[in-house]
Amino acid sequence: MKNSWLILGILGIGGLAYYLNNKNKSSKIVDVEKSSAEIKAKDEKKFTNAFLMQYDIVVAPIRVQKKAKMIADDIITSRNEKAQKRLDSYKPSYI
């Protein structure tokens, strides 16, 4: 009886660790600040230092939103491709 509780406890802890590990891997969040910093750095390359000293470059929220949508579309496309490959790999079974 004691061994069965020990085994169940070990399996429970292992299952919880597996769940928490995979939960962190599967979540992909688009960082708004990182995206806006990338866009700003890309825009700053277009202008000279004299211009940048006089003016600050401000990133419009719509540009960050468009970049987030592009990243999300890439994630969804890759997910759909993986699902399609998985479905294509199944062999038909005839009854």
Protein backbone atom coordinates (compact mmCIF):
# COMPACT_ATOMS: atom_id res chain seq x y z
CA MET A 1 0.00 0.00 0.00
CA LYS A 2 2.80 2.38 0.86
CA ASN A 3 4.59 1.64 -2.39
CA SER A 4 1.50 2.40 -4.46
CA TRP A 5 1.15 5.86 -2.83
CA LEU A 6 4.85 6.51 -3.49
CA ILE A 7 4.48 5.51 -7.14
CA LEU A 8 1.35 7.65 -7.54
CA GLY A 9 3.12 10.62 -5.94
CA ILE A 10 6.14 10.26 -8.24
CA LEU A 11 3.90 9.97 -11.31
CA GLY A 12 1.90 13.00 -10.21
CA ILE A 13 5.00 15.13 -9.72
CA GLY A 14 6.40 13.93 -13.06
CA GLY A 15 3.13 14.74 -14.83
CA LEU A 16 3.01 18.20 -13.28
CA ALA A 17 6.63 18.89 -14.30
CA TYR A 18 5.91 17.70 -17.86
CA TYR A 19 2.81 19.92 -18.07
CA LEU A 20 4.61 23.02 -16.80
CA ASN A 21 7.57 22.42 -19.13
CA ASN A 22 5.39 22.06 -22.23
CA LYS A 23 3.12 24.94 -21.24
CA ASN A 24 6.06 27.36 -21.34
CA LYS A 25 7.31 26.05 -24.68
CA SER A 26 4.00 26.26 -26.52
CA SER A 27 3.17 29.85 -25.67
CA LYS A 28 4.47 32.36 -28.16
CA ILE A 29 3.84 35.96 -27.24
CA VAL A 30 4.72 38.89 -29.46
CA ASP A 31 6.55 41.47 -27.38
CA VAL A 32 5.27 44.92 -28.32
CA GLU A 33 8.26 46.80 -26.91
CA LYS A 34 10.71 44.57 -28.76
CA SER A 35 8.79 44.98 -32.01
CA SER A 36 8.63 48.76 -31.67
CA ALA A 37 12.37 48.88 -30.90
CA GLU A 38 13.11 46.84 -34.04
CA ILE A 39 10.94 49.13 -36.18
CA LYS A 40 12.53 52.23 -34.66
CA ALA A 41 16.04 50.90 -35.29
CA LYS A 42 15.10 50.13 -38.89
CA ASP A 43 13.70 53.64 -39.35
CA GLU A 44 16.75 55.32 -37.80
CA LYS A 45 18.98 53.79 -40.49
CA LYS A 46 17.12 55.83 -43.11
CA PHE A 47 18.05 59.22 -41.65
CA THR A 48 21.31 61.05 -41.02
CA ASN A 49 22.70 61.82 -37.58
CA ALA A 50 21.95 65.54 -37.99
CA PHE A 51 18.28 64.79 -38.59
CA LEU A 52 18.14 62.35 -35.66
CA MET A 53 19.67 64.95 -33.33
CA GLN A 54 16.87 67.41 -34.11
CA TYR A 55 13.92 65.01 -34.23
CA ASP A 56 12.79 61.96 -32.33
CA ILE A 57 11.44 59.01 -34.25
CA VAL A 58 8.11 57.83 -32.91
CA VAL A 59 6.66 54.50 -33.98
CA ALA A 60 2.97 54.52 -34.78
CA PRO A 61 1.00 51.81 -32.96
CA ILE A 62 -0.52 50.63 -36.23
CA ARG A 63 2.95 49.64 -37.49
CA VAL A 64 3.56 47.53 -34.40
CA GLN A 65 0.11 46.00 -34.79
CA LYS A 66 0.83 45.10 -38.43
CA LYS A 67 4.14 43.49 -37.48
CA ALA A 68 2.42 41.49 -34.72
CA LYS A 69 -0.19 40.30 -37.23
CA MET A 70 2.56 39.23 -39.63
CA ILE A 71 4.28 37.22 -36.91
CA ALA A 72 0.97 35.67 -35.87
CA ASP A 73 0.22 34.72 -39.48
CA ASP A 74 3.62 33.03 -39.74
CA ILE A 75 2.95 31.06 -36.55
CA ILE A 76 -0.51 30.00 -37.74
CA THR A 77 0.82 29.02 -41.17
CA SER A 78 3.58 26.86 -39.70
CA ARG A 79 1.07 25.24 -37.32
CA ASN A 80 -1.28 24.44 -40.20
CA GLU A 81 1.59 23.00 -42.26
CA LYS A 82 2.63 20.72 -39.40
CA ALA A 83 -0.96 19.55 -38.92
CA GLN A 84 -1.32 18.87 -42.65
CA LYS A 85 1.94 16.88 -42.72
CA ARG A 86 0.73 14.86 -39.75
CA LEU A 87 -2.58 14.13 -41.49
CA ASP A 88 -0.81 13.22 -44.73
CA SER A 89 1.47 10.78 -42.93
CA TYR A 90 -1.48 8.64 -41.76
CA LYS A 91 -2.01 5.59 -43.85
CA PRO A 92 -5.57 4.80 -44.83
CA SER A 93 -7.17 1.92 -42.98
CA TYR A 94 -9.84 -0.08 -44.67
CA ILE A 95 -12.47 -1.91 -42.72
